[in-house]
Amino acid sequence: TLHDPLDEAGVRARLRHNVRMLDGVADALVLQASASD
C-alpha cells in the first residue's frame, strides 16, 4: 500500500493507523522477548 494515492485526510489517517499498528507490533515483540527474560 506504499503507493496508495491518499488525500489530506487519508494521509493523516494512514499515519495514525500505522502508529497504532507499531504499538501492537511492539507489544508482540515484548511478549516474545519475555520468554527469554
ModelCIF file with pLDDT and N, C-alpha, C, O atoms, coordinates in Angstrom:
data_MODEL
#
_entry.id   MODEL 
#
_entity.id                         1 
_entity.type                       polymer 
_entity.pdbx_number_of_molecules   1 
#
_entity_poly.entity_id                      1 
_entity_poly.type                           'polypeptide(L)' 
_entity_poly.nstd_linkage                   no 
_entity_poly.nstd_monomer                   no 
_entity_poly.pdbx_seq_one_letter_code       TLHDPLDEAGVRARLRHNVRMLDGVADALVLQASASD 
_entity_poly.pdbx_seq_one_letter_code_can   TLHDPLDEAGVRARLRHNVRMLDGVADALVLQASASD 
_entity_poly.pdbx_strand_id                 A 
#
loop_
_entity_poly_seq.entity_id 
_entity_poly_seq.num 
_entity_poly_seq.mon_id 
_entity_poly_seq.hetero 
1 1  THR n 
1 2  LEU n 
1 3  HIS n 
1 4  ASP n 
1 5  PRO n 
1 6  LEU n 
1 7  ASP n 
1 8  GLU n 
1 9  ALA n 
1 10 GLY n 
1 11 VAL n 
1 12 ARG n 
1 13 ALA n 
1 14 ARG n 
1 15 LEU n 
1 16 ARG n 
1 17 HIS n 
1 18 ASN n 
1 19 VAL n 
1 20 ARG n 
1 21 MET n 
1 22 LEU n 
1 23 ASP n 
1 24 GLY n 
1 25 VAL n 
1 26 ALA n 
1 27 ASP n 
1 28 ALA n 
1 29 LEU n 
1 30 VAL n 
1 31 LEU n 
1 32 GLN n 
1 33 ALA n 
1 34 SER n 
1 35 ALA n 
1 36 SER n 
1 37 ASP n 
#
_struct_asym.id          A 
_struct_asym.entity_id   1 
#
loop_
_ma_qa_metric.id 
_ma_qa_metric.mode 
_ma_qa_metric.name 
_ma_qa_metric.software_group_id 
_ma_qa_metric.type 
1 global pLDDT . pLDDT 
2 local  pLDDT . pLDDT 
#
_ma_qa_metric_global.metric_id      1 
_ma_qa_metric_global.metric_value   95.46 
_ma_qa_metric_global.model_id       1 
_ma_qa_metric_global.ordinal_id     1 
#
loop_
_ma_qa_metric_local.label_asym_id 
_ma_qa_metric_local.label_comp_id 
_ma_qa_metric_local.label_seq_id 
_ma_qa_metric_local.metric_id 
_ma_qa_metric_local.metric_value 
_ma_qa_metric_local.model_id 
_ma_qa_metric_local.ordinal_id 
A THR 1  2 97.00 1 1  
A LEU 2  2 98.00 1 2  
A HIS 3  2 96.00 1 3  
A ASP 4  2 97.00 1 4  
A PRO 5  2 97.00 1 5  
A LEU 6  2 98.00 1 6  
A ASP 7  2 97.00 1 7  
A GLU 8  2 94.00 1 8  
A ALA 9  2 97.00 1 9  
A GLY 10 2 98.00 1 10 
A VAL 11 2 98.00 1 11 
A ARG 12 2 98.00 1 12 
A ALA 13 2 98.00 1 13 
A ARG 14 2 98.00 1 14 
A LEU 15 2 98.00 1 15 
A ARG 16 2 98.00 1 16 
A HIS 17 2 98.00 1 17 
A ASN 18 2 98.00 1 18 
A VAL 19 2 97.00 1 19 
A ARG 20 2 97.00 1 20 
A MET 21 2 97.00 1 21 
A LEU 22 2 97.00 1 22 
A ASP 23 2 95.00 1 23 
A GLY 24 2 95.00 1 24 
A VAL 25 2 96.00 1 25 
A ALA 26 2 95.00 1 26 
A ASP 27 2 94.00 1 27 
A ALA 28 2 94.00 1 28 
A LEU 29 2 95.00 1 29 
A VAL 30 2 94.00 1 30 
A LEU 31 2 93.00 1 31 
A GLN 32 2 93.00 1 32 
A ALA 33 2 93.00 1 33 
A SER 34 2 92.00 1 34 
A ALA 35 2 88.00 1 35 
A SER 36 2 87.00 1 36 
A ASP 37 2 87.00 1 37 
#
loop_
_atom_site.group_PDB 
_atom_site.id 
_atom_site.type_symbol 
_atom_site.label_atom_id 
_atom_site.label_alt_id 
_atom_site.label_comp_id 
_atom_site.label_asym_id 
_atom_site.label_entity_id 
_atom_site.label_seq_id 
_atom_site.pdbx_PDB_ins_code 
_atom_site.Cartn_x 
_atom_site.Cartn_y 
_atom_site.Cartn_z 
_atom_site.occupancy 
_atom_site.B_iso_or_equiv 
_atom_site.pdbx_formal_charge 
_atom_site.auth_seq_id 
_atom_site.auth_comp_id 
_atom_site.auth_asym_id 
_atom_site.auth_atom_id 
_atom_site.pdbx_PDB_model_num 
ATOM 1   N N  . THR A 1 1  ? 0.809  -1.223  0.000  1.00 97.00 ? 1  THR A N  1 
ATOM 2   C CA . THR A 1 1  ? 0.000  0.000   0.000  1.00 97.00 ? 1  THR A CA 1 
ATOM 3   C C  . THR A 1 1  ? 0.846  1.279   0.000  1.00 97.00 ? 1  THR A C  1 
ATOM 4   O O  . THR A 1 1  ? 0.302  2.374   0.144  1.00 97.00 ? 1  THR A O  1 
ATOM 5   N N  . LEU A 1 2  ? 2.163  1.153   -0.160 1.00 98.00 ? 2  LEU A N  1 
ATOM 6   C CA . LEU A 1 2  ? 3.015  2.345   -0.098 1.00 98.00 ? 2  LEU A CA 1 
ATOM 7   C C  . LEU A 1 2  ? 2.678  3.356   -1.181 1.00 98.00 ? 2  LEU A C  1 
ATOM 8   O O  . LEU A 1 2  ? 2.823  4.559   -0.962 1.00 98.00 ? 2  LEU A O  1 
ATOM 9   N N  . HIS A 1 3  ? 2.236  2.899   -2.338 1.00 96.00 ? 3  HIS A N  1 
ATOM 10  C CA . HIS A 1 3  ? 1.940  3.813   -3.440 1.00 96.00 ? 3  HIS A CA 1 
ATOM 11  C C  . HIS A 1 3  ? 0.468  4.232   -3.493 1.00 96.00 ? 3  HIS A C  1 
ATOM 12  O O  . HIS A 1 3  ? 0.036  4.840   -4.472 1.00 96.00 ? 3  HIS A O  1 
ATOM 13  N N  . ASP A 1 4  ? -0.298 3.915   -2.461 1.00 97.00 ? 4  ASP A N  1 
ATOM 14  C CA . ASP A 1 4  ? -1.708 4.314   -2.457 1.00 97.00 ? 4  ASP A CA 1 
ATOM 15  C C  . ASP A 1 4  ? -1.839 5.830   -2.604 1.00 97.00 ? 4  ASP A C  1 
ATOM 16  O O  . ASP A 1 4  ? -1.190 6.571   -1.865 1.00 97.00 ? 4  ASP A O  1 
ATOM 17  N N  . PRO A 1 5  ? -2.657 6.306   -3.536 1.00 97.00 ? 5  PRO A N  1 
ATOM 18  C CA . PRO A 1 5  ? -2.919 7.755   -3.605 1.00 97.00 ? 5  PRO A CA 1 
ATOM 19  C C  . PRO A 1 5  ? -3.867 8.153   -2.478 1.00 97.00 ? 5  PRO A C  1 
ATOM 20  O O  . PRO A 1 5  ? -4.986 7.646   -2.399 1.00 97.00 ? 5  PRO A O  1 
ATOM 21  N N  . LEU A 1 6  ? -3.429 9.050   -1.617 1.00 98.00 ? 6  LEU A N  1 
ATOM 22  C CA . LEU A 1 6  ? -4.229 9.453   -0.460 1.00 98.00 ? 6  LEU A CA 1 
ATOM 23  C C  . LEU A 1 6  ? -4.448 10.962  -0.476 1.00 98.00 ? 6  LEU A C  1 
ATOM 24  O O  . LEU A 1 6  ? -3.556 11.726  -0.846 1.00 98.00 ? 6  LEU A O  1 
ATOM 25  N N  . ASP A 1 7  ? -5.639 11.380  -0.073 1.00 97.00 ? 7  ASP A N  1 
ATOM 26  C CA . ASP A 1 7  ? -5.873 12.811  0.085  1.00 97.00 ? 7  ASP A CA 1 
ATOM 27  C C  . ASP A 1 7  ? -5.385 13.248  1.461  1.00 97.00 ? 7  ASP A C  1 
ATOM 28  O O  . ASP A 1 7  ? -4.834 12.450  2.219  1.00 97.00 ? 7  ASP A O  1 
ATOM 29  N N  . GLU A 1 8  ? -5.593 14.521  1.773  1.00 94.00 ? 8  GLU A N  1 
ATOM 30  C CA . GLU A 1 8  ? -5.085 15.084  3.033  1.00 94.00 ? 8  GLU A CA 1 
ATOM 31  C C  . GLU A 1 8  ? -5.561 14.279  4.237  1.00 94.00 ? 8  GLU A C  1 
ATOM 32  O O  . GLU A 1 8  ? -4.762 13.910  5.098  1.00 94.00 ? 8  GLU A O  1 
ATOM 33  N N  . ALA A 1 9  ? -6.846 14.010  4.295  1.00 97.00 ? 9  ALA A N  1 
ATOM 34  C CA . ALA A 1 9  ? -7.395 13.252  5.421  1.00 97.00 ? 9  ALA A CA 1 
ATOM 35  C C  . ALA A 1 9  ? -6.875 11.820  5.414  1.00 97.00 ? 9  ALA A C  1 
ATOM 36  O O  . ALA A 1 9  ? -6.649 11.228  6.469  1.00 97.00 ? 9  ALA A O  1 
ATOM 37  N N  . GLY A 1 10 ? -6.689 11.273  4.226  1.00 98.00 ? 10 GLY A N  1 
ATOM 38  C CA . GLY A 1 10 ? -6.210 9.906   4.125  1.00 98.00 ? 10 GLY A CA 1 
ATOM 39  C C  . GLY A 1 10 ? -4.790 9.735   4.632  1.00 98.00 ? 10 GLY A C  1 
ATOM 40  O O  . GLY A 1 10 ? -4.474 8.721   5.255  1.00 98.00 ? 10 GLY A O  1 
ATOM 41  N N  . VAL A 1 11 ? -3.933 10.706  4.378  1.00 98.00 ? 11 VAL A N  1 
ATOM 42  C CA . VAL A 1 11 ? -2.547 10.621  4.867  1.00 98.00 ? 11 VAL A CA 1 
ATOM 43  C C  . VAL A 1 11 ? -2.534 10.679  6.384  1.00 98.00 ? 11 VAL A C  1 
ATOM 44  O O  . VAL A 1 11 ? -1.812 9.919   7.029  1.00 98.00 ? 11 VAL A O  1 
ATOM 45  N N  . ARG A 1 12 ? -3.333 11.582  6.963  1.00 98.00 ? 12 ARG A N  1 
ATOM 46  C CA . ARG A 1 12 ? -3.392 11.679  8.430  1.00 98.00 ? 12 ARG A CA 1 
ATOM 47  C C  . ARG A 1 12 ? -3.883 10.347  9.009  1.00 98.00 ? 12 ARG A C  1 
ATOM 48  O O  . ARG A 1 12 ? -3.306 9.830   9.966  1.00 98.00 ? 12 ARG A O  1 
ATOM 49  N N  . ALA A 1 13 ? -4.939 9.804   8.428  1.00 98.00 ? 13 ALA A N  1 
ATOM 50  C CA . ALA A 1 13 ? -5.496 8.548   8.936  1.00 98.00 ? 13 ALA A CA 1 
ATOM 51  C C  . ALA A 1 13 ? -4.492 7.412   8.801  1.00 98.00 ? 13 ALA A C  1 
ATOM 52  O O  . ALA A 1 13 ? -4.375 6.579   9.700  1.00 98.00 ? 13 ALA A O  1 
ATOM 53  N N  . ARG A 1 14 ? -3.761 7.371   7.680  1.00 98.00 ? 14 ARG A N  1 
ATOM 54  C CA . ARG A 1 14 ? -2.788 6.304   7.462  1.00 98.00 ? 14 ARG A CA 1 
ATOM 55  C C  . ARG A 1 14 ? -1.668 6.368   8.509  1.00 98.00 ? 14 ARG A C  1 
ATOM 56  O O  . ARG A 1 14 ? -1.293 5.345   9.083  1.00 98.00 ? 14 ARG A O  1 
ATOM 57  N N  . LEU A 1 15 ? -1.147 7.549   8.751  1.00 98.00 ? 15 LEU A N  1 
ATOM 58  C CA . LEU A 1 15 ? -0.068 7.677   9.735  1.00 98.00 ? 15 LEU A CA 1 
ATOM 59  C C  . LEU A 1 15 ? -0.544 7.293   11.130 1.00 98.00 ? 15 LEU A C  1 
ATOM 60  O O  . LEU A 1 15 ? 0.159  6.592   11.857 1.00 98.00 ? 15 LEU A O  1 
ATOM 61  N N  . ARG A 1 16 ? -1.735 7.749   11.505 1.00 98.00 ? 16 ARG A N  1 
ATOM 62  C CA . ARG A 1 16 ? -2.256 7.414   12.837 1.00 98.00 ? 16 ARG A CA 1 
ATOM 63  C C  . ARG A 1 16 ? -2.496 5.908   12.953 1.00 98.00 ? 16 ARG A C  1 
ATOM 64  O O  . ARG A 1 16 ? -2.213 5.305   13.988 1.00 98.00 ? 16 ARG A O  1 
ATOM 65  N N  . HIS A 1 17 ? -3.014 5.315   11.891 1.00 98.00 ? 17 HIS A N  1 
ATOM 66  C CA . HIS A 1 17 ? -3.213 3.865   11.893 1.00 98.00 ? 17 HIS A CA 1 
ATOM 67  C C  . HIS A 1 17 ? -1.875 3.148   12.044 1.00 98.00 ? 17 HIS A C  1 
ATOM 68  O O  . HIS A 1 17 ? -1.771 2.181   12.798 1.00 98.00 ? 17 HIS A O  1 
ATOM 69  N N  . ASN A 1 18 ? -0.859 3.613   11.336 1.00 98.00 ? 18 ASN A N  1 
ATOM 70  C CA . ASN A 1 18 ? 0.434  2.942   11.380 1.00 98.00 ? 18 ASN A CA 1 
ATOM 71  C C  . ASN A 1 18 ? 1.099  3.063   12.742 1.00 98.00 ? 18 ASN A C  1 
ATOM 72  O O  . ASN A 1 18 ? 1.770  2.131   13.186 1.00 98.00 ? 18 ASN A O  1 
ATOM 73  N N  . VAL A 1 19 ? 0.925  4.193   13.410 1.00 97.00 ? 19 VAL A N  1 
ATOM 74  C CA . VAL A 1 19 ? 1.488  4.329   14.753 1.00 97.00 ? 19 VAL A CA 1 
ATOM 75  C C  . VAL A 1 19 ? 0.794  3.366   15.717 1.00 97.00 ? 19 VAL A C  1 
ATOM 76  O O  . VAL A 1 19 ? 1.444  2.774   16.578 1.00 97.00 ? 19 VAL A O  1 
ATOM 77  N N  . ARG A 1 20 ? -0.521 3.208   15.575 1.00 97.00 ? 20 ARG A N  1 
ATOM 78  C CA . ARG A 1 20 ? -1.231 2.221   16.402 1.00 97.00 ? 20 ARG A CA 1 
ATOM 79  C C  . ARG A 1 20 ? -0.744 0.810   16.086 1.00 97.00 ? 20 ARG A C  1 
ATOM 80  O O  . ARG A 1 20 ? -0.576 -0.014  16.985 1.00 97.00 ? 20 ARG A O  1 
ATOM 81  N N  . MET A 1 21 ? -0.518 0.539   14.806 1.00 97.00 ? 21 MET A N  1 
ATOM 82  C CA . MET A 1 21 ? -0.003 -0.765  14.407 1.00 97.00 ? 21 MET A CA 1 
ATOM 83  C C  . MET A 1 21 ? 1.362  -1.017  15.033 1.00 97.00 ? 21 MET A C  1 
ATOM 84  O O  . MET A 1 21 ? 1.625  -2.119  15.515 1.00 97.00 ? 21 MET A O  1 
ATOM 85  N N  . LEU A 1 22 ? 2.237  -0.005  15.033 1.00 97.00 ? 22 LEU A N  1 
ATOM 86  C CA . LEU A 1 22 ? 3.560  -0.157  15.641 1.00 97.00 ? 22 LEU A CA 1 
ATOM 87  C C  . LEU A 1 22 ? 3.450  -0.461  17.126 1.00 97.00 ? 22 LEU A C  1 
ATOM 88  O O  . LEU A 1 22 ? 4.234  -1.243  17.663 1.00 97.00 ? 22 LEU A O  1 
ATOM 89  N N  . ASP A 1 23 ? 2.481  0.153   17.789 1.00 95.00 ? 23 ASP A N  1 
ATOM 90  C CA . ASP A 1 23 ? 2.236  -0.187  19.199 1.00 95.00 ? 23 ASP A CA 1 
ATOM 91  C C  . ASP A 1 23 ? 1.952  -1.674  19.353 1.00 95.00 ? 23 ASP A C  1 
ATOM 92  O O  . ASP A 1 23 ? 2.482  -2.327  20.253 1.00 95.00 ? 23 ASP A O  1 
ATOM 93  N N  . GLY A 1 24 ? 1.109  -2.205  18.464 1.00 95.00 ? 24 GLY A N  1 
ATOM 94  C CA . GLY A 1 24 ? 0.759  -3.621  18.552 1.00 95.00 ? 24 GLY A CA 1 
ATOM 95  C C  . GLY A 1 24 ? 1.941  -4.525  18.253 1.00 95.00 ? 24 GLY A C  1 
ATOM 96  O O  . GLY A 1 24 ? 2.136  -5.535  18.930 1.00 95.00 ? 24 GLY A O  1 
ATOM 97  N N  . VAL A 1 25 ? 2.736  -4.172  17.242 1.00 96.00 ? 25 VAL A N  1 
ATOM 98  C CA . VAL A 1 25 ? 3.931  -4.956  16.927 1.00 96.00 ? 25 VAL A CA 1 
ATOM 99  C C  . VAL A 1 25 ? 4.901  -4.937  18.103 1.00 96.00 ? 25 VAL A C  1 
ATOM 100 O O  . VAL A 1 25 ? 5.494  -5.959  18.445 1.00 96.00 ? 25 VAL A O  1 
ATOM 101 N N  . ALA A 1 26 ? 5.057  -3.768  18.718 1.00 95.00 ? 26 ALA A N  1 
ATOM 102 C CA . ALA A 1 26 ? 5.954  -3.648  19.868 1.00 95.00 ? 26 ALA A CA 1 
ATOM 103 C C  . ALA A 1 26 ? 5.507  -4.551  21.008 1.00 95.00 ? 26 ALA A C  1 
ATOM 104 O O  . ALA A 1 26 ? 6.333  -5.216  21.633 1.00 95.00 ? 26 ALA A O  1 
ATOM 105 N N  . ASP A 1 27 ? 4.205  -4.579  21.285 1.00 94.00 ? 27 ASP A N  1 
ATOM 106 C CA . ASP A 1 27 ? 3.703  -5.441  22.356 1.00 94.00 ? 27 ASP A CA 1 
ATOM 107 C C  . ASP A 1 27 ? 3.982  -6.910  22.069 1.00 94.00 ? 27 ASP A C  1 
ATOM 108 O O  . ASP A 1 27 ? 4.374  -7.658  22.965 1.00 94.00 ? 27 ASP A O  1 
ATOM 109 N N  . ALA A 1 28 ? 3.778  -7.326  20.810 1.00 94.00 ? 28 ALA A N  1 
ATOM 110 C CA . ALA A 1 28 ? 4.037  -8.716  20.449 1.00 94.00 ? 28 ALA A CA 1 
ATOM 111 C C  . ALA A 1 28 ? 5.503  -9.074  20.634 1.00 94.00 ? 28 ALA A C  1 
ATOM 112 O O  . ALA A 1 28 ? 5.830  -10.175 21.078 1.00 94.00 ? 28 ALA A O  1 
ATOM 113 N N  . LEU A 1 29 ? 6.375  -8.148  20.293 1.00 95.00 ? 29 LEU A N  1 
ATOM 114 C CA . LEU A 1 29 ? 7.805  -8.417  20.429 1.00 95.00 ? 29 LEU A CA 1 
ATOM 115 C C  . LEU A 1 29 ? 8.233  -8.448  21.896 1.00 95.00 ? 29 LEU A C  1 
ATOM 116 O O  . LEU A 1 29 ? 9.088  -9.246  22.281 1.00 95.00 ? 29 LEU A O  1 
ATOM 117 N N  . VAL A 1 30 ? 7.643  -7.585  22.703 1.00 94.00 ? 30 VAL A N  1 
ATOM 118 C CA . VAL A 1 30 ? 7.948  -7.616  24.139 1.00 94.00 ? 30 VAL A CA 1 
ATOM 119 C C  . VAL A 1 30 ? 7.542  -8.961  24.728 1.00 94.00 ? 30 VAL A C  1 
ATOM 120 O O  . VAL A 1 30 ? 8.279  -9.539  25.526 1.00 94.00 ? 30 VAL A O  1 
ATOM 121 N N  . LEU A 1 31 ? 6.386  -9.455  24.342 1.00 93.00 ? 31 LEU A N  1 
ATOM 122 C CA . LEU A 1 31 ? 5.932  -10.753 24.849 1.00 93.00 ? 31 LEU A CA 1 
ATOM 123 C C  . LEU A 1 31 ? 6.876  -11.866 24.411 1.00 93.00 ? 31 LEU A C  1 
ATOM 124 O O  . LEU A 1 31 ? 7.191  -12.766 25.189 1.00 93.00 ? 31 LEU A O  1 
ATOM 125 N N  . GLN A 1 32 ? 7.324  -11.799 23.158 1.00 93.00 ? 32 GLN A N  1 
ATOM 126 C CA . GLN A 1 32 ? 8.267  -12.802 22.656 1.00 93.00 ? 32 GLN A CA 1 
ATOM 127 C C  . GLN A 1 32 ? 9.589  -12.715 23.420 1.00 93.00 ? 32 GLN A C  1 
ATOM 128 O O  . GLN A 1 32 ? 10.176 -13.739 23.768 1.00 93.00 ? 32 GLN A O  1 
ATOM 129 N N  . ALA A 1 33 ? 10.054 -11.498 23.679 1.00 93.00 ? 33 ALA A N  1 
ATOM 130 C CA . ALA A 1 33 ? 11.317 -11.323 24.409 1.00 93.00 ? 33 ALA A CA 1 
ATOM 131 C C  . ALA A 1 33 ? 11.208 -11.824 25.835 1.00 93.00 ? 33 ALA A C  1 
ATOM 132 O O  . ALA A 1 33 ? 12.184 -12.332 26.387 1.00 93.00 ? 33 ALA A O  1 
ATOM 133 N N  . SER A 1 34 ? 10.037 -11.689 26.440 1.00 92.00 ? 34 SER A N  1 
ATOM 134 C CA . SER A 1 34 ? 9.871  -12.075 27.840 1.00 92.00 ? 34 SER A CA 1 
ATOM 135 C C  . SER A 1 34 ? 10.025 -13.576 28.051 1.00 92.00 ? 34 SER A C  1 
ATOM 136 O O  . SER A 1 34 ? 10.239 -14.023 29.178 1.00 92.00 ? 34 SER A O  1 
ATOM 137 N N  . ALA A 1 35 ? 9.919  -14.362 26.975 1.00 88.00 ? 35 ALA A N  1 
ATOM 138 C CA . ALA A 1 35 ? 10.169 -15.798 27.103 1.00 88.00 ? 35 ALA A CA 1 
ATOM 139 C C  . ALA A 1 35 ? 11.627 -16.068 27.437 1.00 88.00 ? 35 ALA A C  1 
ATOM 140 O O  . ALA A 1 35 ? 11.951 -17.089 28.044 1.00 88.00 ? 35 ALA A O  1 
ATOM 141 N N  . SER A 1 36 ? 12.507 -15.151 27.040 1.00 87.00 ? 36 SER A N  1 
ATOM 142 C CA . SER A 1 36 ? 13.924 -15.283 27.371 1.00 87.00 ? 36 SER A CA 1 
ATOM 143 C C  . SER A 1 36 ? 14.238 -14.710 28.737 1.00 87.00 ? 36 SER A C  1 
ATOM 144 O O  . SER A 1 36 ? 15.093 -15.231 29.452 1.00 87.00 ? 36 SER A O  1 
ATOM 145 N N  . ASP A 1 37 ? 13.544 -13.632 29.105 1.00 87.00 ? 37 ASP A N  1 
ATOM 146 C CA . ASP A 1 37 ? 13.783 -12.989 30.395 1.00 87.00 ? 37 ASP A CA 1 
ATOM 147 C C  . ASP A 1 37 ? 12.481 -12.324 30.821 1.00 87.00 ? 37 ASP A C  1 
ATOM 148 O O  . ASP A 1 37 ? 12.422 -11.709 31.886 1.00 87.00 ? 37 ASP A O  1 
#
